[in-house]
Structures are given as structure tokens and as C-alpha cells.
N, C-alpha and C. Protein backbone atom coordinates (compact mmCIF):
# COMPACT_ATOMS: atom_id res chain seq x y z
N UNK A 1 -32.58 17.45 21.47
CA UNK A 1 -31.57 17.82 20.50
C UNK A 1 -31.19 16.60 19.68
N UNK A 2 -31.23 16.74 18.40
CA UNK A 2 -30.91 15.63 17.49
C UNK A 2 -29.40 15.41 17.45
N UNK A 3 -29.02 14.15 17.29
CA UNK A 3 -27.62 13.80 17.10
C UNK A 3 -27.27 13.96 15.63
N UNK A 4 -25.98 14.11 15.37
CA UNK A 4 -25.50 14.08 14.00
C UNK A 4 -25.27 12.63 13.61
N UNK A 5 -25.37 12.37 12.32
CA UNK A 5 -25.08 11.03 11.82
C UNK A 5 -23.67 10.64 12.24
N UNK A 6 -23.52 9.46 12.79
CA UNK A 6 -22.23 9.01 13.31
C UNK A 6 -21.92 7.61 12.78
N UNK A 7 -20.98 7.50 11.84
CA UNK A 7 -20.65 6.19 11.26
C UNK A 7 -20.20 5.17 12.32
N UNK A 8 -19.51 5.61 13.35
CA UNK A 8 -19.07 4.69 14.40
C UNK A 8 -20.28 4.08 15.12
N UNK A 9 -21.21 4.93 15.54
CA UNK A 9 -22.41 4.43 16.22
C UNK A 9 -23.27 3.60 15.27
N UNK A 10 -23.32 4.00 14.01
CA UNK A 10 -24.10 3.24 13.02
C UNK A 10 -23.63 1.79 12.96
N UNK A 11 -22.33 1.58 13.06
CA UNK A 11 -21.80 0.23 13.01
C UNK A 11 -22.24 -0.60 14.22
N UNK A 12 -22.67 0.09 15.28
CA UNK A 12 -23.08 -0.58 16.51
C UNK A 12 -24.59 -0.57 16.74
N UNK A 13 -25.36 -0.14 15.74
CA UNK A 13 -26.82 -0.10 15.87
C UNK A 13 -27.37 -1.52 15.87
N UNK A 14 -28.08 -1.85 16.95
CA UNK A 14 -28.69 -3.17 17.10
C UNK A 14 -30.21 -3.11 17.04
N UNK A 15 -30.77 -1.92 17.24
CA UNK A 15 -32.22 -1.74 17.25
C UNK A 15 -32.56 -0.46 16.50
N UNK A 16 -33.79 -0.41 15.98
CA UNK A 16 -34.29 0.79 15.31
C UNK A 16 -35.69 1.09 15.84
N UNK A 17 -35.94 2.35 16.12
CA UNK A 17 -37.29 2.77 16.50
C UNK A 17 -37.64 4.02 15.70
N UNK A 18 -38.93 4.19 15.49
CA UNK A 18 -39.43 5.36 14.77
C UNK A 18 -40.50 6.01 15.63
N UNK A 19 -40.37 7.31 15.85
CA UNK A 19 -41.34 8.07 16.62
C UNK A 19 -42.23 8.81 15.64
N UNK A 20 -43.54 8.59 15.77
CA UNK A 20 -44.52 9.20 14.89
C UNK A 20 -45.29 10.29 15.62
N UNK A 21 -45.16 11.57 15.22
CA UNK A 21 -45.98 12.63 15.82
C UNK A 21 -47.46 12.38 15.53
N UNK A 22 -48.32 12.99 16.32
CA UNK A 22 -49.77 12.79 16.22
C UNK A 22 -50.34 13.08 14.84
N UNK A 23 -49.76 14.00 14.11
CA UNK A 23 -50.32 14.37 12.80
C UNK A 23 -50.27 13.24 11.78
N UNK A 24 -49.53 12.17 12.09
CA UNK A 24 -49.46 11.03 11.18
C UNK A 24 -50.32 9.86 11.66
N UNK A 25 -51.21 10.11 12.58
CA UNK A 25 -52.06 9.08 13.15
C UNK A 25 -52.99 8.43 12.15
N UNK A 26 -53.31 9.11 11.05
CA UNK A 26 -54.25 8.56 10.06
C UNK A 26 -53.58 7.56 9.10
N UNK A 27 -52.26 7.47 9.14
CA UNK A 27 -51.56 6.53 8.25
C UNK A 27 -51.79 5.10 8.69
N UNK A 28 -51.88 4.20 7.73
CA UNK A 28 -52.02 2.79 8.05
C UNK A 28 -50.69 2.24 8.56
N UNK A 29 -50.74 1.08 9.18
CA UNK A 29 -49.52 0.44 9.67
C UNK A 29 -48.57 0.12 8.52
N UNK A 30 -49.11 -0.27 7.38
CA UNK A 30 -48.28 -0.57 6.21
C UNK A 30 -47.56 0.68 5.70
N UNK A 31 -48.29 1.81 5.66
CA UNK A 31 -47.67 3.06 5.23
C UNK A 31 -46.56 3.48 6.19
N UNK A 32 -46.84 3.37 7.48
CA UNK A 32 -45.82 3.73 8.48
C UNK A 32 -44.60 2.83 8.35
N UNK A 33 -44.83 1.55 8.16
CA UNK A 33 -43.72 0.59 8.04
C UNK A 33 -42.87 0.93 6.82
N UNK A 34 -43.51 1.26 5.71
CA UNK A 34 -42.79 1.60 4.48
C UNK A 34 -41.95 2.86 4.65
N UNK A 35 -42.54 3.88 5.24
CA UNK A 35 -41.82 5.14 5.45
C UNK A 35 -40.68 4.92 6.44
N UNK A 36 -40.93 4.19 7.51
CA UNK A 36 -39.88 3.94 8.51
C UNK A 36 -38.71 3.19 7.89
N UNK A 37 -38.99 2.20 7.05
CA UNK A 37 -37.91 1.46 6.38
C UNK A 37 -37.08 2.38 5.50
N UNK A 38 -37.75 3.26 4.77
CA UNK A 38 -37.03 4.20 3.90
C UNK A 38 -36.17 5.17 4.71
N UNK A 39 -36.70 5.64 5.83
CA UNK A 39 -35.93 6.56 6.68
C UNK A 39 -34.72 5.86 7.29
N UNK A 40 -34.90 4.66 7.79
CA UNK A 40 -33.79 3.94 8.42
C UNK A 40 -32.77 3.45 7.40
N UNK A 41 -33.16 3.36 6.15
CA UNK A 41 -32.22 2.97 5.09
C UNK A 41 -31.21 4.07 4.80
N UNK A 42 -31.59 5.33 5.08
CA UNK A 42 -30.71 6.48 4.85
C UNK A 42 -30.75 7.41 6.05
N UNK A 43 -30.27 6.97 7.20
CA UNK A 43 -30.37 7.80 8.41
C UNK A 43 -29.59 9.10 8.32
N UNK A 44 -28.58 9.14 7.47
CA UNK A 44 -27.79 10.36 7.33
C UNK A 44 -28.61 11.52 6.78
N UNK A 45 -29.76 11.25 6.17
CA UNK A 45 -30.61 12.29 5.59
C UNK A 45 -31.74 12.73 6.52
N UNK A 46 -31.86 12.11 7.67
CA UNK A 46 -32.96 12.42 8.60
C UNK A 46 -32.60 13.61 9.49
N UNK A 47 -33.59 14.45 9.73
CA UNK A 47 -33.33 15.65 10.52
C UNK A 47 -33.44 15.43 12.02
N UNK A 48 -34.17 14.40 12.46
CA UNK A 48 -34.32 14.12 13.89
C UNK A 48 -33.82 12.70 14.17
N UNK A 49 -32.53 12.58 14.40
CA UNK A 49 -31.87 11.31 14.61
C UNK A 49 -31.27 11.29 16.01
N UNK A 50 -31.46 10.20 16.72
CA UNK A 50 -30.86 10.05 18.05
C UNK A 50 -30.30 8.65 18.18
N UNK A 51 -29.18 8.54 18.86
CA UNK A 51 -28.59 7.26 19.19
C UNK A 51 -28.77 7.03 20.68
N UNK A 52 -29.48 5.98 21.02
CA UNK A 52 -29.74 5.65 22.42
C UNK A 52 -28.91 4.44 22.79
N UNK A 53 -28.18 4.56 23.88
CA UNK A 53 -27.34 3.45 24.33
C UNK A 53 -28.20 2.33 24.86
N UNK A 54 -27.98 1.14 24.36
CA UNK A 54 -28.64 -0.07 24.86
C UNK A 54 -27.55 -1.07 25.25
N UNK A 55 -27.94 -2.11 25.94
CA UNK A 55 -26.98 -3.07 26.47
C UNK A 55 -26.06 -3.65 25.39
N UNK A 56 -26.58 -3.89 24.22
CA UNK A 56 -25.81 -4.55 23.16
C UNK A 56 -25.17 -3.59 22.17
N UNK A 57 -25.41 -2.30 22.28
CA UNK A 57 -24.86 -1.32 21.34
C UNK A 57 -25.67 -0.05 21.37
N UNK A 58 -26.29 0.29 20.24
CA UNK A 58 -27.11 1.49 20.15
C UNK A 58 -28.45 1.19 19.49
N UNK A 59 -29.42 2.00 19.83
CA UNK A 59 -30.71 2.00 19.17
C UNK A 59 -30.78 3.30 18.37
N UNK A 60 -31.03 3.20 17.08
CA UNK A 60 -31.22 4.40 16.25
C UNK A 60 -32.69 4.78 16.34
N UNK A 61 -32.94 6.00 16.80
CA UNK A 61 -34.31 6.49 16.91
C UNK A 61 -34.49 7.67 15.96
N UNK A 62 -35.45 7.53 15.06
CA UNK A 62 -35.75 8.61 14.12
C UNK A 62 -37.15 9.12 14.43
N UNK A 63 -37.25 10.42 14.62
CA UNK A 63 -38.54 11.08 14.79
C UNK A 63 -38.94 11.64 13.43
N UNK A 64 -40.08 11.23 12.94
CA UNK A 64 -40.54 11.63 11.61
C UNK A 64 -40.89 13.11 11.61
N UNK A 65 -40.34 13.84 10.65
CA UNK A 65 -40.67 15.26 10.45
C UNK A 65 -41.38 15.39 9.10
N UNK A 66 -42.01 16.52 8.88
CA UNK A 66 -42.71 16.76 7.62
C UNK A 66 -41.74 16.67 6.43
N UNK A 67 -40.55 17.24 6.57
CA UNK A 67 -39.57 17.19 5.49
C UNK A 67 -39.14 15.77 5.18
N UNK A 68 -38.88 14.99 6.23
CA UNK A 68 -38.48 13.60 6.03
C UNK A 68 -39.60 12.80 5.37
N UNK A 69 -40.81 13.00 5.84
CA UNK A 69 -41.96 12.26 5.30
C UNK A 69 -42.14 12.58 3.81
N UNK A 70 -42.10 13.85 3.46
CA UNK A 70 -42.27 14.25 2.06
C UNK A 70 -41.16 13.67 1.18
N UNK A 71 -39.95 13.61 1.70
CA UNK A 71 -38.82 13.12 0.93
C UNK A 71 -38.98 11.65 0.57
N UNK A 72 -39.44 10.81 1.51
CA UNK A 72 -39.51 9.38 1.26
C UNK A 72 -40.86 8.88 0.80
N UNK A 73 -41.92 9.64 1.05
CA UNK A 73 -43.27 9.19 0.70
C UNK A 73 -43.66 9.61 -0.72
N UNK A 74 -42.86 10.44 -1.33
CA UNK A 74 -43.21 10.94 -2.67
C UNK A 74 -43.05 9.91 -3.74
């Protein structure tokens, strides 16, 4: 279950991770890095967002969906 965007947790985000489903395996590392940066720049627009508790705060984890990919890769 995805979390809702949370400004409080956002202020405590210390790490970012991006989960890539298998269908994006053909993308180069540069393409993935570019898309991940765009997604993490606007996490409030991502459909699969999770905040994972880590020792120093939170890790924002975004799972790439087709809608998110089309929005930022266009």
C-alpha cells in the first residue's frame, strides 16, 4: 500500500531509493538515473510512494509506474 505524500516526513528524508519493475530492464543506467531524479524532485506526484523508517529519519522509496514514467520521460 502506497503512502500519501507527507510534508512532515519529507522534511526528515535522508535517503532516496527507486524500485524499477522488470519491464524497465532495457533502460540504460543514465536513463534510469534521469527518471529517478525527476520522480524524486516531485514526490507528491508519484503514485507509488513509501516512507521507510531509517535510523537517521526516513527513506523515500518510489516504485516506478507506467504513468509516472510517461509523465517524466516525455
